[in-house]
């Protein structure tokens, strides 16, 4: 029997799926953020970009991908729209002439300062859903997952590089084995020049003696 005031926890299925549970929590966090930010406030991604740029001005798109975790194509569109709104300013990177760096505009700085208290309020509401004794551990788990997410692209790159190297070594070994196999086969003797020619035969012409005398 279930004790009064408590509900039985459902085991299996979605209840034990980390991806599903994290998706549910993300939806809750975004709803709380939207309520605190208001309809005219910055979106969570806009705030993340402005906060990252405020910490280090002159970030390139690649730097922002690493700093915010937003995928490259989404970030490119986001930065373009924020630049059009006057929240960001773009300039040629001093470190890479091919890349564009971004920095906060005055409007972007103003929007960021207005958003910070609202984001802080949203974060407090989210943590308030947990007992105080579990909040620090919750943040530690989120940090560990974030670090794993940041390391994932580098790990994938390392795995791809290792696979490419292994394939190259395999092709090299295959060529060496084929070469050794060919070296072990008996070599065919080359025929000497003219040896295949048929022997030349000459037929003797016999002339009768009588015929010779007449001649």
N, C-alpha and C. Protein backbone atom coordinates (compact mmCIF):
# COMPACT_ATOMS: atom_id res chain seq x y z
N UNK A 1 0.83 -1.20 0.00
CA UNK A 1 0.00 0.00 0.00
C UNK A 1 0.87 1.26 0.00
N UNK A 2 0.37 2.30 -0.65
CA UNK A 2 1.08 3.57 -0.69
C UNK A 2 0.69 4.39 0.52
N UNK A 3 1.70 4.95 1.20
CA UNK A 3 1.42 5.75 2.38
C UNK A 3 0.67 7.02 2.01
N UNK A 4 -0.10 7.51 2.91
CA UNK A 4 -0.89 8.72 2.67
C UNK A 4 0.00 9.91 2.37
N UNK A 5 -0.38 10.69 1.36
CA UNK A 5 0.37 11.90 1.02
C UNK A 5 1.54 11.64 0.09
N UNK A 6 1.80 10.41 -0.24
CA UNK A 6 2.90 10.08 -1.13
C UNK A 6 2.40 9.28 -2.33
N UNK A 7 3.04 9.48 -3.43
CA UNK A 7 2.67 8.76 -4.65
C UNK A 7 3.74 7.74 -4.98
N UNK A 8 3.33 6.64 -5.52
CA UNK A 8 4.29 5.61 -5.89
C UNK A 8 5.06 6.05 -7.12
N UNK A 9 6.36 5.81 -7.12
CA UNK A 9 7.19 6.17 -8.27
C UNK A 9 7.10 5.08 -9.32
N UNK A 10 6.86 5.48 -10.55
CA UNK A 10 6.75 4.53 -11.64
C UNK A 10 8.14 4.15 -12.12
N UNK A 11 8.41 2.88 -12.17
CA UNK A 11 9.71 2.40 -12.60
C UNK A 11 9.69 2.03 -14.08
N UNK A 12 10.83 2.16 -14.73
CA UNK A 12 10.96 1.76 -16.13
C UNK A 12 10.43 2.81 -17.08
N UNK A 13 10.66 2.55 -18.39
CA UNK A 13 10.16 3.44 -19.43
C UNK A 13 10.75 4.83 -19.33
N UNK A 14 9.91 5.84 -19.55
CA UNK A 14 10.37 7.23 -19.54
C UNK A 14 10.87 7.67 -18.17
N UNK A 15 10.37 7.04 -17.13
CA UNK A 15 10.78 7.43 -15.78
C UNK A 15 12.25 7.14 -15.51
N UNK A 16 12.85 6.27 -16.29
CA UNK A 16 14.27 5.94 -16.12
C UNK A 16 15.10 6.32 -17.34
N UNK A 17 14.57 7.22 -18.16
CA UNK A 17 15.28 7.68 -19.35
C UNK A 17 15.93 9.04 -19.06
N UNK A 18 17.28 9.10 -18.95
CA UNK A 18 17.94 10.38 -18.67
C UNK A 18 17.62 11.45 -19.71
N UNK A 19 17.60 11.05 -20.99
CA UNK A 19 17.34 12.04 -22.04
C UNK A 19 15.94 12.65 -21.90
N UNK A 20 14.96 11.80 -21.59
CA UNK A 20 13.59 12.30 -21.43
C UNK A 20 13.48 13.20 -20.19
N UNK A 21 14.08 12.77 -19.09
CA UNK A 21 14.00 13.54 -17.85
C UNK A 21 14.70 14.89 -18.00
N UNK A 22 15.86 14.90 -18.68
CA UNK A 22 16.57 16.16 -18.89
C UNK A 22 15.77 17.09 -19.80
N UNK A 23 15.07 16.50 -20.79
CA UNK A 23 14.24 17.31 -21.68
C UNK A 23 13.10 17.96 -20.90
N UNK A 24 12.50 17.19 -19.98
CA UNK A 24 11.42 17.74 -19.16
C UNK A 24 11.94 18.88 -18.29
N UNK A 25 13.11 18.68 -17.68
CA UNK A 25 13.70 19.72 -16.82
C UNK A 25 14.06 20.96 -17.63
N UNK A 26 14.57 20.75 -18.85
CA UNK A 26 14.91 21.88 -19.71
C UNK A 26 13.67 22.70 -20.05
N UNK A 27 12.58 22.03 -20.36
CA UNK A 27 11.33 22.73 -20.64
C UNK A 27 10.89 23.58 -19.45
N UNK A 28 11.01 23.00 -18.26
CA UNK A 28 10.64 23.72 -17.04
C UNK A 28 11.53 24.94 -16.85
N UNK A 29 12.84 24.77 -17.03
CA UNK A 29 13.79 25.88 -16.84
C UNK A 29 13.52 27.01 -17.83
N UNK A 30 13.24 26.65 -19.09
CA UNK A 30 12.98 27.67 -20.11
C UNK A 30 11.65 28.40 -19.84
N UNK A 31 10.66 27.68 -19.32
CA UNK A 31 9.39 28.32 -18.99
C UNK A 31 9.58 29.33 -17.86
N UNK A 32 10.34 28.95 -16.85
CA UNK A 32 10.60 29.85 -15.72
C UNK A 32 11.39 31.07 -16.20
N UNK A 33 12.39 30.81 -17.06
CA UNK A 33 13.19 31.93 -17.59
C UNK A 33 12.30 32.90 -18.36
N UNK A 34 11.43 32.36 -19.23
CA UNK A 34 10.56 33.21 -20.04
C UNK A 34 9.65 34.05 -19.17
N UNK A 35 9.14 33.48 -18.08
CA UNK A 35 8.27 34.22 -17.17
C UNK A 35 9.01 35.38 -16.51
N UNK A 36 10.25 35.13 -16.09
CA UNK A 36 11.04 36.16 -15.42
C UNK A 36 11.54 37.22 -16.40
N UNK A 37 11.94 36.80 -17.60
CA UNK A 37 12.49 37.74 -18.59
C UNK A 37 11.40 38.63 -19.19
N UNK A 38 10.18 38.11 -19.29
CA UNK A 38 9.10 38.87 -19.87
C UNK A 38 9.11 38.80 -21.39
N UNK A 39 8.02 39.20 -22.03
CA UNK A 39 7.90 39.09 -23.48
C UNK A 39 8.88 39.96 -24.25
N UNK A 40 9.34 41.04 -23.64
CA UNK A 40 10.27 41.94 -24.33
C UNK A 40 11.72 41.74 -23.91
N UNK A 41 11.96 40.77 -23.05
CA UNK A 41 13.31 40.54 -22.56
C UNK A 41 14.14 39.70 -23.51
N UNK A 42 15.40 39.55 -23.17
CA UNK A 42 16.30 38.72 -23.98
C UNK A 42 15.90 37.25 -23.86
N UNK A 43 16.07 36.51 -24.95
CA UNK A 43 15.90 35.07 -24.86
C UNK A 43 17.10 34.48 -24.12
N UNK A 44 16.97 33.22 -23.71
CA UNK A 44 18.06 32.60 -22.96
C UNK A 44 19.34 32.55 -23.79
N UNK A 45 19.21 32.28 -25.09
CA UNK A 45 20.39 32.22 -25.95
C UNK A 45 20.99 33.60 -26.18
N UNK A 46 20.14 34.61 -26.34
CA UNK A 46 20.65 35.97 -26.51
C UNK A 46 21.43 36.41 -25.27
N UNK A 47 20.88 36.08 -24.10
CA UNK A 47 21.57 36.42 -22.86
C UNK A 47 22.92 35.70 -22.78
N UNK A 48 22.96 34.42 -23.16
CA UNK A 48 24.21 33.66 -23.10
C UNK A 48 25.28 34.28 -24.00
N UNK A 49 24.88 34.72 -25.20
CA UNK A 49 25.84 35.34 -26.12
C UNK A 49 26.35 36.65 -25.56
N UNK A 50 25.45 37.50 -25.08
CA UNK A 50 25.86 38.80 -24.54
C UNK A 50 26.76 38.62 -23.31
N UNK A 51 26.41 37.67 -22.46
CA UNK A 51 27.21 37.44 -21.25
C UNK A 51 28.61 36.94 -21.62
N UNK A 52 28.69 36.04 -22.61
CA UNK A 52 29.99 35.52 -23.04
C UNK A 52 30.85 36.62 -23.65
N UNK A 53 30.25 37.48 -24.46
CA UNK A 53 30.99 38.57 -25.10
C UNK A 53 31.42 39.61 -24.07
N UNK A 54 30.60 39.80 -23.03
CA UNK A 54 30.96 40.78 -22.01
C UNK A 54 32.18 40.34 -21.21
N UNK A 55 32.34 39.04 -21.06
CA UNK A 55 33.49 38.50 -20.32
C UNK A 55 34.76 38.66 -21.14
N UNK A 56 34.62 38.45 -22.45
CA UNK A 56 35.80 38.55 -23.33
C UNK A 56 35.38 39.15 -24.67
N UNK A 57 35.67 40.40 -24.84
CA UNK A 57 35.30 41.08 -26.08
C UNK A 57 36.18 40.62 -27.23
N UNK A 58 35.61 40.63 -28.44
CA UNK A 58 36.38 40.24 -29.61
C UNK A 58 36.36 38.76 -29.90
N UNK A 59 35.35 38.06 -29.39
CA UNK A 59 35.23 36.62 -29.64
C UNK A 59 34.81 36.37 -31.09
N UNK A 60 35.36 35.34 -31.69
CA UNK A 60 34.94 34.93 -33.01
C UNK A 60 33.76 33.97 -32.88
N UNK A 61 33.19 33.59 -34.01
CA UNK A 61 32.06 32.67 -33.98
C UNK A 61 32.48 31.33 -33.37
N UNK A 62 33.68 30.87 -33.71
CA UNK A 62 34.17 29.62 -33.14
C UNK A 62 34.31 29.72 -31.63
N UNK A 63 34.81 30.86 -31.15
CA UNK A 63 34.94 31.08 -29.70
C UNK A 63 33.57 31.05 -29.02
N UNK A 64 32.58 31.67 -29.67
CA UNK A 64 31.24 31.73 -29.08
C UNK A 64 30.58 30.35 -29.03
N UNK A 65 30.85 29.52 -30.03
CA UNK A 65 30.32 28.16 -30.02
C UNK A 65 30.83 27.42 -28.78
N UNK A 66 32.13 27.57 -28.51
CA UNK A 66 32.72 26.90 -27.35
C UNK A 66 32.22 27.49 -26.04
N UNK A 67 32.03 28.80 -26.01
CA UNK A 67 31.63 29.48 -24.77
C UNK A 67 30.18 29.25 -24.40
N UNK A 68 29.31 29.14 -25.41
CA UNK A 68 27.87 29.04 -25.14
C UNK A 68 27.28 27.65 -25.36
N UNK A 69 27.96 26.83 -26.18
CA UNK A 69 27.40 25.51 -26.48
C UNK A 69 26.35 25.54 -27.57
N UNK A 70 26.10 26.71 -28.15
CA UNK A 70 25.11 26.81 -29.23
C UNK A 70 25.77 26.33 -30.52
N UNK A 71 25.04 25.52 -31.31
CA UNK A 71 25.63 24.99 -32.53
C UNK A 71 25.95 26.11 -33.52
N UNK A 72 26.91 25.82 -34.40
CA UNK A 72 27.48 26.87 -35.27
C UNK A 72 26.43 27.54 -36.17
N UNK A 73 25.58 26.77 -36.81
CA UNK A 73 24.61 27.36 -37.75
C UNK A 73 23.60 28.24 -37.01
N UNK A 74 23.13 27.76 -35.85
CA UNK A 74 22.18 28.55 -35.06
C UNK A 74 22.83 29.82 -34.55
N UNK A 75 24.07 29.71 -34.12
CA UNK A 75 24.79 30.87 -33.59
C UNK A 75 25.03 31.92 -34.66
N UNK A 76 25.37 31.49 -35.87
CA UNK A 76 25.60 32.44 -36.96
C UNK A 76 24.34 33.26 -37.24
N UNK A 77 23.20 32.59 -37.27
CA UNK A 77 21.93 33.30 -37.49
C UNK A 77 21.60 34.21 -36.31
N UNK A 78 21.88 33.72 -35.10
CA UNK A 78 21.59 34.49 -33.89
C UNK A 78 22.43 35.77 -33.84
N UNK A 79 23.71 35.65 -34.11
CA UNK A 79 24.61 36.81 -34.09
C UNK A 79 24.19 37.82 -35.16
N UNK A 80 23.80 37.31 -36.33
CA UNK A 80 23.37 38.22 -37.41
C UNK A 80 22.14 39.02 -36.99
N UNK A 81 21.17 38.36 -36.35
CA UNK A 81 19.96 39.06 -35.92
C UNK A 81 20.24 40.04 -34.78
N UNK A 82 21.13 39.64 -33.86
CA UNK A 82 21.48 40.52 -32.74
C UNK A 82 22.28 41.73 -33.22
N UNK A 83 23.06 41.53 -34.27
CA UNK A 83 23.80 42.65 -34.86
C UNK A 83 22.83 43.61 -35.53
N UNK A 84 21.83 43.04 -36.23
CA UNK A 84 20.83 43.88 -36.89
C UNK A 84 20.01 44.69 -35.88
N UNK A 85 19.81 44.12 -34.69
CA UNK A 85 19.06 44.83 -33.64
C UNK A 85 19.92 45.85 -32.90
N UNK A 86 21.23 45.82 -33.17
CA UNK A 86 22.11 46.78 -32.53
C UNK A 86 22.66 46.33 -31.18
N UNK A 87 22.49 45.04 -30.85
CA UNK A 87 22.99 44.52 -29.58
C UNK A 87 24.46 44.15 -29.66
N UNK A 88 24.92 43.82 -30.86
CA UNK A 88 26.32 43.42 -31.08
C UNK A 88 26.90 44.25 -32.23
N UNK A 89 28.21 44.37 -32.21
CA UNK A 89 28.93 44.99 -33.32
C UNK A 89 29.99 44.03 -33.79
N UNK A 90 30.12 43.93 -35.10
CA UNK A 90 31.10 42.99 -35.68
C UNK A 90 32.25 43.75 -36.32
N UNK A 91 33.44 43.16 -36.20
CA UNK A 91 34.63 43.74 -36.80
C UNK A 91 35.59 42.62 -37.17
N UNK A 92 36.57 42.92 -37.98
CA UNK A 92 37.54 41.90 -38.38
C UNK A 92 38.41 41.53 -37.19
N UNK A 93 38.60 40.23 -37.00
CA UNK A 93 39.39 39.74 -35.87
C UNK A 93 40.85 40.14 -36.01
N UNK A 94 41.44 40.56 -34.90
CA UNK A 94 42.86 40.93 -34.91
C UNK A 94 43.76 39.70 -34.99
N UNK A 95 43.21 38.53 -34.59
CA UNK A 95 44.00 37.29 -34.59
C UNK A 95 43.85 36.50 -35.89
N UNK A 96 42.69 36.62 -36.53
CA UNK A 96 42.43 35.87 -37.75
C UNK A 96 41.73 36.81 -38.74
N UNK A 97 42.44 37.18 -39.79
CA UNK A 97 41.89 38.14 -40.76
C UNK A 97 40.66 37.60 -41.49
N UNK A 98 40.52 36.28 -41.52
CA UNK A 98 39.38 35.66 -42.21
C UNK A 98 38.13 35.62 -41.36
N UNK A 99 38.27 35.83 -40.04
CA UNK A 99 37.14 35.72 -39.13
C UNK A 99 36.62 37.08 -38.69
N UNK A 100 35.35 37.08 -38.27
CA UNK A 100 34.72 38.29 -37.74
C UNK A 100 34.61 38.16 -36.22
N UNK A 101 35.03 39.20 -35.51
CA UNK A 101 34.92 39.22 -34.06
C UNK A 101 33.72 40.08 -33.66
N UNK A 102 33.13 39.78 -32.50
CA UNK A 102 31.97 40.55 -32.04
C UNK A 102 32.26 41.17 -30.68
N UNK A 103 31.63 42.30 -30.44
CA UNK A 103 31.74 42.96 -29.14
C UNK A 103 30.40 43.60 -28.83
N UNK A 104 30.21 43.92 -27.56
CA UNK A 104 28.95 44.53 -27.13
C UNK A 104 28.84 45.96 -27.63
N UNK A 105 27.65 46.32 -28.06
CA UNK A 105 27.35 47.71 -28.36
C UNK A 105 26.82 48.34 -27.07
N UNK A 106 26.60 49.63 -27.09
CA UNK A 106 26.03 50.29 -25.91
C UNK A 106 24.64 49.73 -25.60
N UNK A 107 23.86 49.50 -26.66
CA UNK A 107 22.51 48.93 -26.48
C UNK A 107 22.60 47.52 -25.92
N UNK A 108 23.60 46.75 -26.38
CA UNK A 108 23.78 45.39 -25.89
C UNK A 108 24.17 45.37 -24.42
N UNK A 109 25.04 46.29 -24.00
CA UNK A 109 25.45 46.39 -22.60
C UNK A 109 24.25 46.76 -21.73
N UNK A 110 23.43 47.68 -22.20
CA UNK A 110 22.23 48.09 -21.46
C UNK A 110 21.26 46.93 -21.31
N UNK A 111 21.04 46.19 -22.40
CA UNK A 111 20.13 45.05 -22.37
C UNK A 111 20.64 43.96 -21.43
N UNK A 112 21.94 43.74 -21.44
CA UNK A 112 22.54 42.72 -20.58
C UNK A 112 22.37 43.07 -19.10
N UNK A 113 22.63 44.31 -18.75
CA UNK A 113 22.52 44.75 -17.36
C UNK A 113 21.07 44.66 -16.87
N UNK A 114 20.13 44.90 -17.79
CA UNK A 114 18.72 44.81 -17.42
C UNK A 114 18.29 43.35 -17.26
N UNK A 115 18.92 42.46 -18.01
CA UNK A 115 18.54 41.04 -17.98
C UNK A 115 19.12 40.27 -16.81
N UNK A 116 20.26 40.68 -16.32
CA UNK A 116 20.95 39.91 -15.26
C UNK A 116 20.10 39.67 -14.01
N UNK A 117 19.41 40.68 -13.45
CA UNK A 117 18.58 40.41 -12.27
C UNK A 117 17.43 39.44 -12.56
N UNK A 118 16.90 39.49 -13.77
CA UNK A 118 15.81 38.60 -14.15
C UNK A 118 16.30 37.15 -14.27
N UNK A 119 17.50 36.99 -14.85
CA UNK A 119 18.08 35.66 -14.98
C UNK A 119 18.41 35.10 -13.60
N UNK A 120 18.89 35.95 -12.72
CA UNK A 120 19.20 35.52 -11.35
C UNK A 120 17.93 35.06 -10.64
N UNK A 121 16.84 35.78 -10.86
CA UNK A 121 15.56 35.40 -10.26
C UNK A 121 15.08 34.05 -10.78
N UNK A 122 15.27 33.83 -12.07
CA UNK A 122 14.88 32.54 -12.67
C UNK A 122 15.71 31.40 -12.09
N UNK A 123 17.02 31.64 -11.94
CA UNK A 123 17.90 30.61 -11.38
C UNK A 123 17.50 30.27 -9.94
N UNK A 124 17.13 31.28 -9.16
CA UNK A 124 16.72 31.04 -7.78
C UNK A 124 15.43 30.23 -7.72
N UNK A 125 14.52 30.50 -8.64
CA UNK A 125 13.26 29.74 -8.67
C UNK A 125 13.52 28.28 -9.00
N UNK A 126 14.45 28.05 -9.92
CA UNK A 126 14.76 26.67 -10.32
C UNK A 126 15.40 25.91 -9.15
N UNK A 127 16.38 26.52 -8.49
CA UNK A 127 17.05 25.86 -7.37
C UNK A 127 16.11 25.67 -6.18
N UNK A 128 15.13 26.57 -6.06
CA UNK A 128 14.18 26.46 -4.95
C UNK A 128 13.30 25.22 -5.06
N UNK A 129 13.27 24.61 -6.22
CA UNK A 129 12.49 23.39 -6.41
C UNK A 129 13.15 22.19 -5.73
N UNK A 130 14.43 22.35 -5.34
CA UNK A 130 15.17 21.28 -4.69
C UNK A 130 15.42 21.62 -3.23
N UNK A 131 15.55 20.61 -2.38
CA UNK A 131 15.93 20.89 -0.99
C UNK A 131 17.31 21.53 -0.95
N UNK A 132 17.58 22.37 0.04
CA UNK A 132 18.85 23.08 0.12
C UNK A 132 20.04 22.13 0.12
N UNK A 133 19.88 21.00 0.77
CA UNK A 133 20.99 20.05 0.89
C UNK A 133 21.38 19.42 -0.45
N UNK A 134 20.51 19.51 -1.44
CA UNK A 134 20.78 18.86 -2.73
C UNK A 134 21.16 19.85 -3.84
N UNK A 135 21.09 21.12 -3.56
CA UNK A 135 21.33 22.13 -4.60
C UNK A 135 22.77 22.15 -5.08
N UNK A 136 23.70 22.09 -4.15
CA UNK A 136 25.11 22.13 -4.54
C UNK A 136 25.48 20.90 -5.36
N UNK A 137 24.99 19.74 -4.95
CA UNK A 137 25.25 18.51 -5.72
C UNK A 137 24.63 18.57 -7.10
N UNK A 138 23.45 19.20 -7.19
CA UNK A 138 22.77 19.36 -8.49
C UNK A 138 23.62 20.20 -9.43
N UNK A 139 24.17 21.31 -8.91
CA UNK A 139 25.02 22.17 -9.73
C UNK A 139 26.31 21.45 -10.14
N UNK A 140 26.84 20.64 -9.24
CA UNK A 140 28.05 19.86 -9.56
C UNK A 140 27.78 18.89 -10.70
N UNK A 141 26.62 18.24 -10.67
CA UNK A 141 26.25 17.31 -11.74
C UNK A 141 26.09 18.04 -13.07
N UNK A 142 25.45 19.20 -13.04
CA UNK A 142 25.28 19.99 -14.27
C UNK A 142 26.63 20.42 -14.83
N UNK A 143 27.54 20.79 -13.93
CA UNK A 143 28.88 21.20 -14.37
C UNK A 143 29.62 20.03 -15.02
N UNK A 144 29.50 18.85 -14.43
CA UNK A 144 30.16 17.66 -14.99
C UNK A 144 29.60 17.33 -16.37
N UNK A 145 28.30 17.42 -16.53
CA UNK A 145 27.68 17.14 -17.82
C UNK A 145 28.09 18.19 -18.86
N UNK A 146 28.20 19.45 -18.42
CA UNK A 146 28.63 20.51 -19.33
C UNK A 146 30.06 20.29 -19.79
N UNK A 147 30.92 19.89 -18.88
CA UNK A 147 32.31 19.62 -19.24
C UNK A 147 32.41 18.45 -20.21
N UNK A 148 31.57 17.45 -20.01
CA UNK A 148 31.54 16.31 -20.93
C UNK A 148 31.06 16.74 -22.32
N UNK A 149 30.08 17.65 -22.34
CA UNK A 149 29.58 18.17 -23.62
C UNK A 149 30.65 18.98 -24.34
N UNK A 150 31.43 19.76 -23.58
CA UNK A 150 32.50 20.56 -24.18
C UNK A 150 33.61 19.66 -24.74
N UNK A 151 33.85 18.55 -24.07
CA UNK A 151 34.93 17.65 -24.49
C UNK A 151 34.52 16.74 -25.64
N UNK A 152 33.23 16.58 -25.85
CA UNK A 152 32.74 15.64 -26.86
C UNK A 152 33.27 15.91 -28.27
N UNK A 153 33.27 17.16 -28.77
CA UNK A 153 33.80 17.39 -30.13
C UNK A 153 35.27 17.02 -30.26
N UNK A 154 36.08 17.33 -29.24
CA UNK A 154 37.50 17.00 -29.29
C UNK A 154 37.71 15.49 -29.25
N UNK A 155 36.89 14.81 -28.46
CA UNK A 155 36.99 13.35 -28.40
C UNK A 155 36.60 12.73 -29.73
N UNK A 156 35.54 13.27 -30.34
CA UNK A 156 35.10 12.76 -31.64
C UNK A 156 36.18 12.98 -32.70
N UNK A 157 36.84 14.16 -32.63
CA UNK A 157 37.92 14.46 -33.56
C UNK A 157 39.09 13.50 -33.36
N UNK A 158 39.41 13.20 -32.10
CA UNK A 158 40.50 12.28 -31.79
C UNK A 158 40.19 10.87 -32.28
N UNK A 159 38.93 10.45 -32.11
CA UNK A 159 38.52 9.12 -32.57
C UNK A 159 38.61 9.03 -34.09
N UNK A 160 38.16 10.08 -34.78
CA UNK A 160 38.22 10.10 -36.24
C UNK A 160 39.66 10.07 -36.73
N UNK A 161 40.54 10.81 -36.05
CA UNK A 161 41.95 10.84 -36.42
C UNK A 161 42.60 9.47 -36.21
N UNK A 162 42.25 8.82 -35.09
CA UNK A 162 42.79 7.49 -34.81
C UNK A 162 42.31 6.46 -35.85
N UNK A 163 41.05 6.58 -36.25
CA UNK A 163 40.50 5.66 -37.25
C UNK A 163 41.18 5.87 -38.60
N UNK A 164 41.44 7.12 -38.94
CA UNK A 164 42.12 7.44 -40.21
C UNK A 164 43.54 6.89 -40.20
N UNK A 165 44.22 7.03 -39.06
CA UNK A 165 45.59 6.53 -38.94
C UNK A 165 45.61 5.01 -39.02
N UNK A 166 44.63 4.35 -38.37
CA UNK A 166 44.56 2.89 -38.40
C UNK A 166 44.31 2.38 -39.83
N UNK A 167 43.43 3.09 -40.57
CA UNK A 167 43.14 2.70 -41.95
C UNK A 167 44.39 2.84 -42.82
N UNK A 168 45.16 3.90 -42.59
CA UNK A 168 46.40 4.12 -43.34
C UNK A 168 47.41 3.01 -43.06
N UNK A 169 47.54 2.64 -41.78
CA UNK A 169 48.46 1.57 -41.41
C UNK A 169 48.03 0.23 -42.00
N UNK A 170 46.70 0.01 -42.05
CA UNK A 170 46.18 -1.23 -42.61
C UNK A 170 46.50 -1.32 -44.11
N UNK A 171 46.35 -0.20 -44.82
CA UNK A 171 46.67 -0.20 -46.26
C UNK A 171 48.16 -0.43 -46.47
N UNK A 172 48.97 0.16 -45.61
CA UNK A 172 50.42 -0.01 -45.70
C UNK A 172 50.82 -1.46 -45.45
N UNK A 173 50.19 -2.10 -44.45
CA UNK A 173 50.48 -3.51 -44.15
C UNK A 173 50.03 -4.42 -45.29
N UNK A 174 48.90 -4.06 -45.89
CA UNK A 174 48.38 -4.86 -47.01
C UNK A 174 49.34 -4.82 -48.20
N UNK A 175 49.87 -3.63 -48.48
CA UNK A 175 50.82 -3.50 -49.59
C UNK A 175 52.10 -4.28 -49.30
N UNK A 176 52.57 -4.22 -48.04
CA UNK A 176 53.79 -4.94 -47.67
C UNK A 176 53.59 -6.45 -47.80
N UNK A 177 52.41 -6.93 -47.39
CA UNK A 177 52.12 -8.36 -47.48
C UNK A 177 52.05 -8.81 -48.94
N UNK A 178 51.46 -7.99 -49.78
CA UNK A 178 51.36 -8.33 -51.20
C UNK A 178 52.74 -8.35 -51.85
N UNK A 179 53.57 -7.40 -51.45
CA UNK A 179 54.92 -7.33 -51.99
C UNK A 179 55.73 -8.56 -51.59
N UNK A 180 55.58 -8.99 -50.32
CA UNK A 180 56.29 -10.18 -49.83
C UNK A 180 55.80 -11.43 -50.54
N UNK A 181 54.50 -11.50 -50.81
CA UNK A 181 53.94 -12.65 -51.51
C UNK A 181 54.45 -12.74 -52.93
N UNK A 182 54.53 -11.60 -53.60
CA UNK A 182 55.03 -11.58 -54.98
C UNK A 182 56.52 -11.95 -55.02
N UNK A 183 57.27 -11.56 -54.00
CA UNK A 183 58.70 -11.88 -53.96
C UNK A 183 58.94 -13.37 -53.78
N UNK A 184 58.00 -14.08 -53.15
CA UNK A 184 58.17 -15.50 -52.90
C UNK A 184 57.78 -16.38 -54.08
N UNK A 185 57.14 -15.82 -55.08
CA UNK A 185 56.74 -16.60 -56.24
C UNK A 185 57.94 -16.83 -57.16
N UNK A 186 58.06 -18.07 -57.79
CA UNK A 186 59.17 -18.32 -58.72
C UNK A 186 59.07 -17.42 -59.94
N UNK A 187 60.24 -16.90 -60.33
CA UNK A 187 60.26 -15.99 -61.47
C UNK A 187 60.29 -16.76 -62.77
N UNK A 188 59.58 -16.31 -63.77
CA UNK A 188 59.59 -16.95 -65.09
C UNK A 188 60.86 -16.59 -65.84
N UNK A 189 61.48 -17.62 -66.46
CA UNK A 189 62.70 -17.38 -67.23
C UNK A 189 62.38 -16.70 -68.54
N UNK A 190 63.16 -15.72 -68.85
CA UNK A 190 62.95 -15.00 -70.10
C UNK A 190 63.61 -15.77 -71.25
N UNK A 191 62.97 -15.86 -72.37
CA UNK A 191 63.52 -16.53 -73.55
C UNK A 191 64.57 -15.66 -74.21
N UNK A 192 65.67 -16.32 -74.62
CA UNK A 192 66.74 -15.57 -75.28
C UNK A 192 66.27 -15.08 -76.64
N UNK A 193 66.82 -13.95 -77.05
CA UNK A 193 66.42 -13.37 -78.34
C UNK A 193 66.77 -14.33 -79.47
N UNK A 194 65.81 -14.61 -80.30
CA UNK A 194 66.04 -15.47 -81.46
C UNK A 194 65.91 -16.94 -81.16
N UNK A 195 65.72 -17.32 -79.91
CA UNK A 195 65.64 -18.74 -79.58
C UNK A 195 64.35 -19.36 -80.09
N UNK A 196 63.38 -18.53 -80.29
CA UNK A 196 62.09 -19.06 -80.73
C UNK A 196 62.01 -19.19 -82.23
N UNK A 197 63.01 -18.71 -82.91
CA UNK A 197 62.96 -18.76 -84.38
C UNK A 197 63.16 -20.18 -84.87
N UNK A 198 62.48 -20.53 -85.92
CA UNK A 198 62.59 -21.86 -86.51
C UNK A 198 63.92 -21.99 -87.23
N UNK A 199 64.55 -23.17 -87.15
CA UNK A 199 65.84 -23.37 -87.85
C UNK A 199 65.65 -23.27 -89.36
N UNK A 200 66.64 -22.62 -89.98
CA UNK A 200 66.56 -22.43 -91.43
C UNK A 200 67.11 -23.69 -92.14
N UNK A 201 66.36 -24.25 -93.03
CA UNK A 201 66.79 -25.45 -93.76
C UNK A 201 66.99 -25.11 -95.22
N UNK A 202 68.03 -25.66 -95.77
CA UNK A 202 68.31 -25.42 -97.20
C UNK A 202 68.24 -26.76 -97.93
N UNK A 203 67.63 -26.73 -99.05
CA UNK A 203 67.50 -27.94 -99.86
C UNK A 203 68.56 -27.93 -100.97
N UNK A 204 69.28 -29.00 -101.03
CA UNK A 204 70.32 -29.11 -102.08
C UNK A 204 69.65 -29.41 -103.42
N UNK A 205 70.15 -28.73 -104.46
CA UNK A 205 69.60 -28.95 -105.81
C UNK A 205 70.55 -29.89 -106.56
N UNK A 206 70.08 -31.04 -106.93
CA UNK A 206 70.91 -32.02 -107.62
C UNK A 206 70.69 -31.90 -109.13
N UNK A 207 71.78 -31.66 -109.81
CA UNK A 207 71.70 -31.52 -111.28
C UNK A 207 72.32 -32.76 -111.90
N UNK A 208 71.57 -33.47 -112.73
CA UNK A 208 72.12 -34.68 -113.40
C UNK A 208 73.35 -34.34 -114.21
N UNK A 209 74.31 -35.32 -114.33
CA UNK A 209 75.56 -35.10 -115.04
C UNK A 209 75.31 -34.85 -116.55
N UNK A 210 74.31 -35.57 -117.07
CA UNK A 210 74.01 -35.39 -118.49
C UNK A 210 73.59 -33.97 -118.76
N UNK A 211 72.82 -33.47 -117.96
CA UNK A 211 72.34 -32.12 -118.15
C UNK A 211 73.50 -31.12 -118.07
N UNK A 212 74.46 -31.50 -117.19
CA UNK A 212 75.61 -30.63 -117.02
C UNK A 212 76.47 -30.60 -118.28
N UNK A 213 76.61 -31.81 -118.91
CA UNK A 213 77.43 -31.91 -120.13
C UNK A 213 76.80 -31.11 -121.24
N UNK A 214 75.52 -31.21 -121.36
CA UNK A 214 74.85 -30.44 -122.40
C UNK A 214 75.07 -28.95 -122.19
N UNK A 215 75.07 -28.60 -120.99
CA UNK A 215 75.27 -27.21 -120.71
C UNK A 215 76.67 -26.78 -121.10
